[in-house]
Amino acid sequence: MLIQLPLSALHTLTAETTAPYFGVTPADAYISNDKIEQYVMDKDVTVIEADLAKVEEIVAENGYTAHAGISLGYTISCYSNNEEERYSYYTLQGIGDVEEQYVLLDGRMPVEEDEVMLTDITAEKMGIVVGDSITYVMADGDRKYIVTGLYQSMMNLGEGAYLSQNAKPSNENLAG
């Protein structure tokens, strides 16, 4: 059983054919714990990880296996070749045992700490192809990421990015 704690109104989205276009994994249950705003205000991912572990523990106590995860959203400016030409896209990152599903168009999912995947629309606007790099301007300093793949999304007018679970974005950029 996969349990996912969504951070947006997509918690009602359950159609297996539509969910991947929104970066949502079809699941047996979607749970909200009314702490979403507090997570964003506290900007402490360790609290989120502890709550995910607690969900898995409670489900296990009731005789089921659960995989709890969440997609965090960050608002981060970035640029490719020209530091003066910055873009700001909603960037997602899976936390916990989450099996994200995306409609991959080219390349692969990001795995390493310095890897990112862009939507096809974002890549086109930035003039980026798989293998190029972008620089995120985070609250605690600039960080360079290699673009490993392009995916299609219906969220945010098709614009956005997805960081690997191993990336360490600044919690100050956490948006939801």
C-alpha atoms as a PDB file:
ATOM      1  CA  MET A   1       0.000   0.000   0.000  1.00  0.00           C
ATOM      2  CA  LEU A   2       1.323   3.453  -0.904  1.00  0.00           C
ATOM      3  CA  ILE A   3       0.262   6.356   1.306  1.00  0.00           C
ATOM      4  CA  GLN A   4       0.998   9.834   0.040  1.00  0.00           C
ATOM      5  CA  LEU A   5       0.543  13.080   1.940  1.00  0.00           C
ATOM      6  CA  PRO A   6      -0.176  15.708  -0.730  1.00  0.00           C
ATOM      7  CA  LEU A   7       0.606  19.386  -0.316  1.00  0.00           C
ATOM      8  CA  SER A   8      -2.001  20.628  -2.758  1.00  0.00           C
ATOM      9  CA  ALA A   9      -5.573  20.171  -3.874  1.00  0.00           C
ATOM     10  CA  LEU A  10      -4.500  17.149  -5.890  1.00  0.00           C
ATOM     11  CA  HIS A  11      -5.410  14.879  -2.971  1.00  0.00           C
ATOM     12  CA  THR A  12      -8.697  14.250  -4.745  1.00  0.00           C
ATOM     13  CA  LEU A  13      -6.961  13.200  -7.952  1.00  0.00           C
ATOM     14  CA  THR A  14      -6.992   9.419  -8.164  1.00  0.00           C
ATOM     15  CA  ALA A  15      -7.265   8.554 -11.861  1.00  0.00           C
ATOM     16  CA  GLU A  16      -4.229   6.461 -12.764  1.00  0.00           C
ATOM     17  CA  THR A  17      -4.172   7.851 -16.314  1.00  0.00           C
ATOM     18  CA  THR A  18      -4.246  11.501 -15.212  1.00  0.00           C
ATOM     19  CA  ALA A  19      -2.250  11.529 -11.970  1.00  0.00           C
ATOM     20  CA  PRO A  20       1.229  11.255 -13.571  1.00  0.00           C
ATOM     21  CA  TYR A  21       0.655  14.512 -15.469  1.00  0.00           C
ATOM     22  CA  PHE A  22       0.391  16.195 -12.074  1.00  0.00           C
ATOM     23  CA  GLY A  23       3.372  14.392 -10.556  1.00  0.00           C
ATOM     24  CA  VAL A  24       1.084  12.370  -8.294  1.00  0.00           C
ATOM     25  CA  THR A  25       1.390   8.638  -7.742  1.00  0.00           C
ATOM     26  CA  PRO A  26      -1.910   6.784  -7.731  1.00  0.00           C
ATOM     27  CA  ALA A  27      -2.337   5.489  -4.189  1.00  0.00           C
ATOM     28  CA  ASP A  28      -4.708   3.436  -2.089  1.00  0.00           C
ATOM     29  CA  ALA A  29      -5.132   6.345   0.338  1.00  0.00           C
ATOM     30  CA  TYR A  30      -4.282  10.030   0.511  1.00  0.00           C
ATOM     31  CA  ILE A  31      -3.941  11.496   3.989  1.00  0.00           C
ATOM     32  CA  SER A  32      -3.681  15.091   5.151  1.00  0.00           C
ATOM     33  CA  ASN A  33      -2.676  15.869   8.719  1.00  0.00           C
ATOM     34  CA  ASP A  34      -3.559  19.594   8.766  1.00  0.00           C
ATOM     35  CA  LYS A  35       0.100  20.489   9.400  1.00  0.00           C
ATOM     36  CA  ILE A  36       0.980  21.618   5.880  1.00  0.00           C
ATOM     37  CA  GLU A  37       1.092  25.323   6.688  1.00  0.00           C
ATOM     38  CA  GLN A  38       3.152  24.610   9.816  1.00  0.00           C
ATOM     39  CA  TYR A  39       5.686  22.597   7.806  1.00  0.00           C
ATOM     40  CA  VAL A  40       6.181  25.519   5.433  1.00  0.00           C
ATOM     41  CA  MET A  41       6.413  28.070   8.260  1.00  0.00           C
ATOM     42  CA  ASP A  42       8.881  25.968  10.274  1.00  0.00           C
ATOM     43  CA  LYS A  43      11.001  25.166   7.201  1.00  0.00           C
ATOM     44  CA  ASP A  44      12.234  21.986   8.895  1.00  0.00           C
ATOM     45  CA  VAL A  45      12.183  18.903   6.673  1.00  0.00           C
ATOM     46  CA  THR A  46      13.194  16.644   9.587  1.00  0.00           C
ATOM     47  CA  VAL A  47       9.766  17.228  11.179  1.00  0.00           C
ATOM     48  CA  ILE A  48       8.106  16.093   7.949  1.00  0.00           C
ATOM     49  CA  GLU A  49      10.303  12.992   7.786  1.00  0.00           C
ATOM     50  CA  ALA A  50       9.424  12.141  11.405  1.00  0.00           C
ATOM     51  CA  ASP A  51       5.698  12.506  10.674  1.00  0.00           C
ATOM     52  CA  LEU A  52       6.005  10.241   7.619  1.00  0.00           C
ATOM     53  CA  ALA A  53       7.730   7.599   9.751  1.00  0.00           C
ATOM     54  CA  LYS A  54       4.937   7.905  12.325  1.00  0.00           C
ATOM     55  CA  VAL A  55       2.282   7.314   9.638  1.00  0.00           C
ATOM     56  CA  GLU A  56       4.085   4.155   8.514  1.00  0.00           C
ATOM     57  CA  GLU A  57       4.367   3.009  12.145  1.00  0.00           C
ATOM     58  CA  ILE A  58       0.652   3.542  12.867  1.00  0.00           C
ATOM     59  CA  VAL A  59      -0.366   1.687   9.710  1.00  0.00           C
ATOM     60  CA  ALA A  60       2.040  -1.179  10.577  1.00  0.00           C
ATOM     61  CA  GLU A  61       0.516  -1.428  14.072  1.00  0.00           C
ATOM     62  CA  ASN A  62      -2.773  -2.152  12.289  1.00  0.00           C
ATOM     63  CA  GLY A  63      -1.275  -4.987  10.276  1.00  0.00           C
ATOM     64  CA  TYR A  64      -0.557  -3.234   6.985  1.00  0.00           C
ATOM     65  CA  THR A  65       2.570  -2.236   5.129  1.00  0.00           C
ATOM     66  CA  ALA A  66       2.677   1.432   4.143  1.00  0.00           C
ATOM     67  CA  HIS A  67       5.045   3.585   2.157  1.00  0.00           C
ATOM     68  CA  ALA A  68       4.523   7.209   3.174  1.00  0.00           C
ATOM     69  CA  GLY A  69       5.924  10.070   1.184  1.00  0.00           C
ATOM     70  CA  ILE A  70       5.345  13.643   0.206  1.00  0.00           C
ATOM     71  CA  SER A  71       6.313  15.959  -2.611  1.00  0.00           C
ATOM     72  CA  LEU A  72       7.668  19.216  -1.241  1.00  0.00           C
ATOM     73  CA  GLY A  73       7.563  22.365  -3.310  1.00  0.00           C
ATOM     74  CA  TYR A  74      10.267  25.009  -3.406  1.00  0.00           C
ATOM     75  CA  THR A  75      10.219  28.424  -5.033  1.00  0.00           C
ATOM     76  CA  ILE A  76      13.720  28.969  -6.356  1.00  0.00           C
ATOM     77  CA  SER A  77      15.128  31.261  -9.037  1.00  0.00           C
ATOM     78  CA  CYS A  78      17.501  29.704 -11.545  1.00  0.00           C
ATOM     79  CA  TYR A  79      19.519  30.530 -14.622  1.00  0.00           C
ATOM     80  CA  SER A  80      21.402  28.642 -17.317  1.00  0.00           C
ATOM     81  CA  ASN A  81      24.129  30.526 -19.193  1.00  0.00           C
ATOM     82  CA  ASN A  82      23.265  34.126 -18.335  1.00  0.00           C
ATOM     83  CA  GLU A  83      23.118  34.965 -14.616  1.00  0.00           C
ATOM     84  CA  GLU A  84      21.115  38.104 -15.436  1.00  0.00           C
ATOM     85  CA  GLU A  85      18.380  36.080 -17.159  1.00  0.00           C
ATOM     86  CA  ARG A  86      16.702  34.354 -14.210  1.00  0.00           C
ATOM     87  CA  TYR A  87      13.628  32.180 -14.156  1.00  0.00           C
ATOM     88  CA  SER A  88      11.516  31.210 -11.174  1.00  0.00           C
ATOM     89  CA  TYR A  89       9.828  27.831 -11.286  1.00  0.00           C
ATOM     90  CA  TYR A  90       8.056  25.713  -8.717  1.00  0.00           C
ATOM     91  CA  THR A  91      10.512  22.906  -7.975  1.00  0.00           C
ATOM     92  CA  LEU A  92       9.349  19.621  -6.456  1.00  0.00           C
ATOM     93  CA  GLN A  93      11.281  17.071  -4.417  1.00  0.00           C
ATOM     94  CA  GLY A  94      10.050  13.735  -3.102  1.00  0.00           C
ATOM     95  CA  ILE A  95      10.647  13.064   0.601  1.00  0.00           C
ATOM     96  CA  GLY A  96      10.216   9.688   2.284  1.00  0.00           C
ATOM     97  CA  ASP A  97       9.288   6.481   0.542  1.00  0.00           C
ATOM     98  CA  VAL A  98       7.530   8.040  -2.390  1.00  0.00           C
ATOM     99  CA  GLU A  99       7.367   6.573  -5.868  1.00  0.00           C
ATOM    100  CA  GLU A 100       6.843   9.587  -8.086  1.00  0.00           C
ATOM    101  CA  GLN A 101       5.343   9.028 -11.493  1.00  0.00           C
ATOM    102  CA  TYR A 102       6.118  11.456 -14.245  1.00  0.00           C
ATOM    103  CA  VAL A 103       5.580  11.375 -17.975  1.00  0.00           C
ATOM    104  CA  LEU A 104       9.249  11.221 -18.966  1.00  0.00           C
ATOM    105  CA  LEU A 105       9.902  12.579 -22.460  1.00  0.00           C
ATOM    106  CA  ASP A 106      13.690  12.378 -22.627  1.00  0.00           C
ATOM    107  CA  GLY A 107      16.554  11.248 -20.404  1.00  0.00           C
ATOM    108  CA  ARG A 108      16.014   9.863 -16.907  1.00  0.00           C
ATOM    109  CA  MET A 109      14.860  10.759 -13.410  1.00  0.00           C
ATOM    110  CA  PRO A 110      17.405  12.662 -11.296  1.00  0.00           C
ATOM    111  CA  VAL A 111      19.219  10.482  -8.749  1.00  0.00           C
ATOM    112  CA  GLU A 112      22.341  12.264  -7.556  1.00  0.00           C
ATOM    113  CA  GLU A 113      22.467  15.292  -5.246  1.00  0.00           C
ATOM    114  CA  ASP A 114      23.313  17.632  -8.142  1.00  0.00           C
ATOM    115  CA  GLU A 115      20.682  16.437 -10.634  1.00  0.00           C
ATOM    116  CA  VAL A 116      17.364  17.939 -11.736  1.00  0.00           C
ATOM    117  CA  MET A 117      14.643  17.141 -14.258  1.00  0.00           C
ATOM    118  CA  LEU A 118      12.773  19.941 -16.075  1.00  0.00           C
ATOM    119  CA  THR A 119       9.432  20.070 -17.817  1.00  0.00           C
ATOM    120  CA  ASP A 120       9.713  20.316 -21.568  1.00  0.00           C
ATOM    121  CA  ILE A 121       8.210  23.822 -21.476  1.00  0.00           C
ATOM    122  CA  THR A 122      10.716  24.999 -18.844  1.00  0.00           C
ATOM    123  CA  ALA A 123      13.628  23.555 -20.815  1.00  0.00           C
ATOM    124  CA  GLU A 124      12.449  25.241 -24.007  1.00  0.00           C
ATOM    125  CA  LYS A 125      12.061  28.643 -22.303  1.00  0.00           C
ATOM    126  CA  MET A 126      15.532  28.355 -20.786  1.00  0.00           C
ATOM    127  CA  GLY A 127      17.139  26.944 -23.939  1.00  0.00           C
ATOM    128  CA  ILE A 128      18.176  23.772 -22.092  1.00  0.00           C
ATOM    129  CA  VAL A 129      18.600  20.176 -23.265  1.00  0.00           C
ATOM    130  CA  VAL A 130      19.399  17.016 -21.316  1.00  0.00           C
ATOM    131  CA  GLY A 131      23.032  17.161 -20.207  1.00  0.00           C
ATOM    132  CA  ASP A 132      23.103  20.947 -19.775  1.00  0.00           C
ATOM    133  CA  SER A 133      23.262  22.485 -16.333  1.00  0.00           C
ATOM    134  CA  ILE A 134      21.308  25.166 -14.506  1.00  0.00           C
ATOM    135  CA  THR A 135      22.171  27.124 -11.389  1.00  0.00           C
ATOM    136  CA  TYR A 136      19.657  27.562  -8.590  1.00  0.00           C
ATOM    137  CA  VAL A 137      19.910  30.768  -6.579  1.00  0.00           C
ATOM    138  CA  MET A 138      19.053  29.501  -3.086  1.00  0.00           C
ATOM    139  CA  ALA A 139      18.851  31.363   0.196  1.00  0.00           C
ATOM    140  CA  ASP A 140      22.140  29.814   1.334  1.00  0.00           C
ATOM    141  CA  GLY A 141      24.057  30.187  -1.944  1.00  0.00           C
ATOM    142  CA  ASP A 142      24.054  29.219  -5.617  1.00  0.00           C
ATOM    143  CA  ARG A 143      24.081  25.535  -6.597  1.00  0.00           C
ATOM    144  CA  LYS A 144      24.657  23.970 -10.001  1.00  0.00           C
ATOM    145  CA  TYR A 145      22.506  21.029 -11.171  1.00  0.00           C
ATOM    146  CA  ILE A 146      22.800  18.784 -14.231  1.00  0.00           C
ATOM    147  CA  VAL A 147      19.588  18.299 -16.229  1.00  0.00           C
ATOM    148  CA  THR A 148      19.064  14.531 -16.499  1.00  0.00           C
ATOM    149  CA  GLY A 149      15.622  14.439 -18.051  1.00  0.00           C
ATOM    150  CA  LEU A 150      12.611  16.240 -19.455  1.00  0.00           C
ATOM    151  CA  TYR A 151       9.065  15.468 -18.373  1.00  0.00           C
ATOM    152  CA  GLN A 152       5.561  16.613 -19.160  1.00  0.00           C
ATOM    153  CA  SER A 153       3.395  18.237 -16.517  1.00  0.00           C
ATOM    154  CA  MET A 154      -0.023  19.863 -16.310  1.00  0.00           C
ATOM    155  CA  MET A 155       0.866  21.689 -13.098  1.00  0.00           C
ATOM    156  CA  ASN A 156       1.817  25.373 -13.163  1.00  0.00           C
ATOM    157  CA  LEU A 157       0.998  25.774 -16.854  1.00  0.00           C
ATOM    158  CA  GLY A 158       3.445  22.996 -17.676  1.00  0.00           C
ATOM    159  CA  GLU A 159       6.416  24.757 -16.094  1.00  0.00           C
ATOM    160  CA  GLY A 160       8.523  23.319 -13.292  1.00  0.00           C
ATOM    161  CA  ALA A 161      11.365  21.140 -12.138  1.00  0.00           C
ATOM    162  CA  TYR A 162      11.965  18.062 -10.006  1.00  0.00           C
ATOM    163  CA  LEU A 163      15.047  17.562  -7.795  1.00  0.00           C
ATOM    164  CA  SER A 164      16.381  14.164  -6.815  1.00  0.00           C
ATOM    165  CA  GLN A 165      15.582  12.896  -3.336  1.00  0.00           C
ATOM    166  CA  ASN A 166      19.311  13.214  -2.587  1.00  0.00           C
ATOM    167  CA  ALA A 167      19.418  16.946  -3.372  1.00  0.00           C
ATOM    168  CA  LYS A 168      19.694  19.332  -0.461  1.00  0.00           C
ATOM    169  CA  PRO A 169      17.778  22.484  -1.370  1.00  0.00           C
ATOM    170  CA  SER A 170      17.701  25.334   1.104  1.00  0.00           C
ATOM    171  CA  ASN A 171      14.767  24.905   3.481  1.00  0.00           C
ATOM    172  CA  GLU A 172      14.375  28.691   3.334  1.00  0.00           C
ATOM    173  CA  ASN A 173      13.028  28.214  -0.208  1.00  0.00           C
ATOM    174  CA  LEU A 174      10.339  25.748   0.950  1.00  0.00           C
ATOM    175  CA  ALA A 175       6.976  26.924  -0.367  1.00  0.00           C
ATOM    176  CA  GLY A 176       4.531  24.078   0.121  1.00  0.00           C
END
